[in-house]
């Protein structure tokens, strides 16, 4: 085992305790489930990546290929698909906020909001292309 494996194993242990703690804390504070999901999703991805790095030290390449395929499909089904649904679910209320200049802390953001939305759309399309490339490599 290399030194980085110990680091990833420590990260897995910390994340295994940190994620449930943060979820329970947010639920006690009365946050909505959508807010909890979007705030904790990156930690969940980090957990699975760190777990994969730890497993790489112990398991064969063929099993790691299987793990990567299952991990990729799990991210698509459990994280990406719900985030896309959440985006469309909140789009109607967000459109009202985007049209109201009083909702913006800085007024110059109201003037360039369409440019910002186009940039976010371009990043989304780019990330879908990267997912496609990863899919082609894994399968």
C-alpha atoms as a PDB file:
ATOM      1  CA  UNK A   1       0.000   0.000   0.000  1.00  0.00           C
ATOM      2  CA  UNK A   2       1.227   3.448  -0.847  1.00  0.00           C
ATOM      3  CA  UNK A   3       1.031   6.504   1.364  1.00  0.00           C
ATOM      4  CA  UNK A   4      -1.826   7.924  -0.684  1.00  0.00           C
ATOM      5  CA  UNK A   5      -3.890   4.820   0.125  1.00  0.00           C
ATOM      6  CA  UNK A   6      -3.709   5.701   3.817  1.00  0.00           C
ATOM      7  CA  UNK A   7      -4.868   9.218   3.004  1.00  0.00           C
ATOM      8  CA  UNK A   8      -7.849   7.913   1.024  1.00  0.00           C
ATOM      9  CA  UNK A   9      -8.711   5.393   3.749  1.00  0.00           C
ATOM     10  CA  UNK A  10      -8.707   8.202   6.300  1.00  0.00           C
ATOM     11  CA  UNK A  11     -10.887  10.286   3.965  1.00  0.00           C
ATOM     12  CA  UNK A  12     -13.366   7.394   3.663  1.00  0.00           C
ATOM     13  CA  UNK A  13     -13.602   7.068   7.446  1.00  0.00           C
ATOM     14  CA  UNK A  14     -14.063  10.808   7.940  1.00  0.00           C
ATOM     15  CA  UNK A  15     -16.693  11.037   5.193  1.00  0.00           C
ATOM     16  CA  UNK A  16     -18.581   8.022   6.561  1.00  0.00           C
ATOM     17  CA  UNK A  17     -19.143   9.952   9.780  1.00  0.00           C
ATOM     18  CA  UNK A  18     -19.325  13.467   8.339  1.00  0.00           C
ATOM     19  CA  UNK A  19     -22.055  12.913   5.730  1.00  0.00           C
ATOM     20  CA  UNK A  20     -24.704  11.486   8.109  1.00  0.00           C
ATOM     21  CA  UNK A  21     -23.830  14.119  10.725  1.00  0.00           C
ATOM     22  CA  UNK A  22     -24.316  16.970   8.227  1.00  0.00           C
ATOM     23  CA  UNK A  23     -27.565  15.490   6.923  1.00  0.00           C
ATOM     24  CA  UNK A  24     -29.004  15.083  10.438  1.00  0.00           C
ATOM     25  CA  UNK A  25     -27.859  18.592  11.385  1.00  0.00           C
ATOM     26  CA  UNK A  26     -29.501  20.100   8.304  1.00  0.00           C
ATOM     27  CA  UNK A  27     -32.734  18.196   8.964  1.00  0.00           C
ATOM     28  CA  UNK A  28     -32.834  19.475  12.550  1.00  0.00           C
ATOM     29  CA  UNK A  29     -32.325  23.020  11.278  1.00  0.00           C
ATOM     30  CA  UNK A  30     -35.391  22.571   9.099  1.00  0.00           C
ATOM     31  CA  UNK A  31     -33.733  22.763   5.714  1.00  0.00           C
ATOM     32  CA  UNK A  32     -35.612  21.378   2.744  1.00  0.00           C
ATOM     33  CA  UNK A  33     -34.619  17.982   1.355  1.00  0.00           C
ATOM     34  CA  UNK A  34     -33.618  19.549  -1.957  1.00  0.00           C
ATOM     35  CA  UNK A  35     -31.206  21.882  -0.165  1.00  0.00           C
ATOM     36  CA  UNK A  36     -29.759  18.988   1.831  1.00  0.00           C
ATOM     37  CA  UNK A  37     -29.328  16.879  -1.308  1.00  0.00           C
ATOM     38  CA  UNK A  38     -27.588  19.597  -3.294  1.00  0.00           C
ATOM     39  CA  UNK A  39     -25.280  20.533  -0.427  1.00  0.00           C
ATOM     40  CA  UNK A  40     -24.210  16.953   0.398  1.00  0.00           C
ATOM     41  CA  UNK A  41     -23.986  15.439  -3.079  1.00  0.00           C
ATOM     42  CA  UNK A  42     -20.339  16.426  -3.604  1.00  0.00           C
ATOM     43  CA  UNK A  43     -19.310  14.754  -0.349  1.00  0.00           C
ATOM     44  CA  UNK A  44     -21.050  11.581  -1.487  1.00  0.00           C
ATOM     45  CA  UNK A  45     -19.109  11.621  -4.764  1.00  0.00           C
ATOM     46  CA  UNK A  46     -15.864  12.179  -2.849  1.00  0.00           C
ATOM     47  CA  UNK A  47     -16.709   9.214  -0.637  1.00  0.00           C
ATOM     48  CA  UNK A  48     -17.084   6.869  -3.600  1.00  0.00           C
ATOM     49  CA  UNK A  49     -13.941   8.181  -5.297  1.00  0.00           C
ATOM     50  CA  UNK A  50     -11.895   7.738  -2.119  1.00  0.00           C
ATOM     51  CA  UNK A  51     -13.374   4.269  -1.638  1.00  0.00           C
ATOM     52  CA  UNK A  52     -12.359   3.380  -5.189  1.00  0.00           C
ATOM     53  CA  UNK A  53      -8.798   4.526  -4.525  1.00  0.00           C
ATOM     54  CA  UNK A  54      -8.623   2.364  -1.400  1.00  0.00           C
ATOM     55  CA  UNK A  55     -10.081  -0.655  -3.198  1.00  0.00           C
ATOM     56  CA  UNK A  56      -7.564  -0.211  -6.017  1.00  0.00           C
ATOM     57  CA  UNK A  57      -4.788  -1.165  -3.597  1.00  0.00           C
ATOM     58  CA  UNK A  58      -6.449  -4.474  -2.709  1.00  0.00           C
ATOM     59  CA  UNK A  59      -8.434  -5.661  -5.730  1.00  0.00           C
ATOM     60  CA  UNK A  60      -7.617  -6.768  -9.258  1.00  0.00           C
ATOM     61  CA  UNK A  61      -7.930  -4.611 -12.361  1.00  0.00           C
ATOM     62  CA  UNK A  62     -10.936  -6.540 -13.659  1.00  0.00           C
ATOM     63  CA  UNK A  63     -12.862  -5.928 -10.447  1.00  0.00           C
ATOM     64  CA  UNK A  64     -11.880  -2.256 -10.481  1.00  0.00           C
ATOM     65  CA  UNK A  65     -13.243  -1.952 -14.025  1.00  0.00           C
ATOM     66  CA  UNK A  66     -16.501  -3.415 -12.752  1.00  0.00           C
ATOM     67  CA  UNK A  67     -16.452  -0.994  -9.778  1.00  0.00           C
ATOM     68  CA  UNK A  68     -15.868   1.964 -12.111  1.00  0.00           C
ATOM     69  CA  UNK A  69     -18.797   0.920 -14.306  1.00  0.00           C
ATOM     70  CA  UNK A  70     -21.127   0.502 -11.331  1.00  0.00           C
ATOM     71  CA  UNK A  71     -19.870   3.761  -9.823  1.00  0.00           C
ATOM     72  CA  UNK A  72     -20.483   5.634 -13.082  1.00  0.00           C
ATOM     73  CA  UNK A  73     -24.005   4.255 -13.453  1.00  0.00           C
ATOM     74  CA  UNK A  74     -24.671   4.997  -9.789  1.00  0.00           C
ATOM     75  CA  UNK A  75     -23.638   8.614 -10.242  1.00  0.00           C
ATOM     76  CA  UNK A  76     -25.889   8.934 -13.284  1.00  0.00           C
ATOM     77  CA  UNK A  77     -28.912   7.308 -11.625  1.00  0.00           C
ATOM     78  CA  UNK A  78     -28.566   8.584  -8.052  1.00  0.00           C
ATOM     79  CA  UNK A  79     -26.996  12.011  -8.558  1.00  0.00           C
ATOM     80  CA  UNK A  80     -27.158  13.423 -12.093  1.00  0.00           C
ATOM     81  CA  UNK A  81     -30.719  12.380 -12.919  1.00  0.00           C
ATOM     82  CA  UNK A  82     -32.176  13.753  -9.635  1.00  0.00           C
ATOM     83  CA  UNK A  83     -30.219  16.998 -10.087  1.00  0.00           C
ATOM     84  CA  UNK A  84     -31.681  17.451 -13.572  1.00  0.00           C
ATOM     85  CA  UNK A  85     -35.178  16.774 -12.227  1.00  0.00           C
ATOM     86  CA  UNK A  86     -34.537  19.211  -9.375  1.00  0.00           C
ATOM     87  CA  UNK A  87     -33.449  21.857 -11.875  1.00  0.00           C
ATOM     88  CA  UNK A  88     -36.694  21.583 -13.816  1.00  0.00           C
ATOM     89  CA  UNK A  89     -38.718  21.416 -10.588  1.00  0.00           C
ATOM     90  CA  UNK A  90     -37.296  24.726  -9.316  1.00  0.00           C
ATOM     91  CA  UNK A  91     -37.111  26.437 -12.715  1.00  0.00           C
ATOM     92  CA  UNK A  92     -40.550  28.077 -12.481  1.00  0.00           C
ATOM     93  CA  UNK A  93     -39.836  29.823  -9.170  1.00  0.00           C
ATOM     94  CA  UNK A  94     -36.323  30.719 -10.296  1.00  0.00           C
ATOM     95  CA  UNK A  95     -37.632  32.370 -13.468  1.00  0.00           C
ATOM     96  CA  UNK A  96     -39.679  34.759 -11.325  1.00  0.00           C
ATOM     97  CA  UNK A  97     -36.572  35.643  -9.319  1.00  0.00           C
ATOM     98  CA  UNK A  98     -34.463  36.131 -12.450  1.00  0.00           C
ATOM     99  CA  UNK A  99     -36.964  38.675 -13.794  1.00  0.00           C
ATOM    100  CA  UNK A 100     -37.069  40.727 -10.574  1.00  0.00           C
ATOM    101  CA  UNK A 101     -34.129  43.176 -10.321  1.00  0.00           C
ATOM    102  CA  UNK A 102     -34.677  43.518  -6.546  1.00  0.00           C
ATOM    103  CA  UNK A 103     -33.648  39.875  -6.030  1.00  0.00           C
ATOM    104  CA  UNK A 104     -30.071  40.625  -7.094  1.00  0.00           C
ATOM    105  CA  UNK A 105     -27.512  41.803  -4.583  1.00  0.00           C
ATOM    106  CA  UNK A 106     -25.488  43.459  -7.356  1.00  0.00           C
ATOM    107  CA  UNK A 107     -27.486  45.191 -10.082  1.00  0.00           C
ATOM    108  CA  UNK A 108     -24.883  44.512 -12.770  1.00  0.00           C
ATOM    109  CA  UNK A 109     -25.687  40.802 -12.393  1.00  0.00           C
ATOM    110  CA  UNK A 110     -29.268  41.557 -13.469  1.00  0.00           C
ATOM    111  CA  UNK A 111     -27.944  43.129 -16.661  1.00  0.00           C
ATOM    112  CA  UNK A 112     -25.766  40.139 -17.577  1.00  0.00           C
ATOM    113  CA  UNK A 113     -28.090  37.380 -16.321  1.00  0.00           C
ATOM    114  CA  UNK A 114     -28.675  35.953 -19.786  1.00  0.00           C
ATOM    115  CA  UNK A 115     -24.936  35.761 -20.382  1.00  0.00           C
ATOM    116  CA  UNK A 116     -24.522  33.966 -17.046  1.00  0.00           C
ATOM    117  CA  UNK A 117     -27.334  31.538 -17.911  1.00  0.00           C
ATOM    118  CA  UNK A 118     -25.705  30.848 -21.286  1.00  0.00           C
ATOM    119  CA  UNK A 119     -22.385  30.143 -19.533  1.00  0.00           C
ATOM    120  CA  UNK A 120     -24.081  27.720 -17.129  1.00  0.00           C
ATOM    121  CA  UNK A 121     -25.818  26.051 -20.086  1.00  0.00           C
ATOM    122  CA  UNK A 122     -22.496  25.686 -21.913  1.00  0.00           C
ATOM    123  CA  UNK A 123     -20.922  24.123 -18.811  1.00  0.00           C
ATOM    124  CA  UNK A 124     -23.866  21.738 -18.544  1.00  0.00           C
ATOM    125  CA  UNK A 125     -23.520  20.671 -22.187  1.00  0.00           C
ATOM    126  CA  UNK A 126     -19.764  20.275 -21.707  1.00  0.00           C
ATOM    127  CA  UNK A 127     -20.288  18.088 -18.657  1.00  0.00           C
ATOM    128  CA  UNK A 128     -22.761  15.916 -20.571  1.00  0.00           C
ATOM    129  CA  UNK A 129     -20.133  15.478 -23.284  1.00  0.00           C
ATOM    130  CA  UNK A 130     -17.557  14.466 -20.659  1.00  0.00           C
ATOM    131  CA  UNK A 131     -20.019  11.936 -19.235  1.00  0.00           C
ATOM    132  CA  UNK A 132     -20.456  10.556 -22.747  1.00  0.00           C
ATOM    133  CA  UNK A 133     -16.682  10.222 -23.152  1.00  0.00           C
ATOM    134  CA  UNK A 134     -16.370   8.459 -19.793  1.00  0.00           C
ATOM    135  CA  UNK A 135     -19.230   6.158 -20.778  1.00  0.00           C
ATOM    136  CA  UNK A 136     -17.448   5.230 -24.026  1.00  0.00           C
ATOM    137  CA  UNK A 137     -14.225   4.434 -22.146  1.00  0.00           C
ATOM    138  CA  UNK A 138     -15.919   2.357 -19.436  1.00  0.00           C
ATOM    139  CA  UNK A 139     -18.289   0.427 -21.662  1.00  0.00           C
END
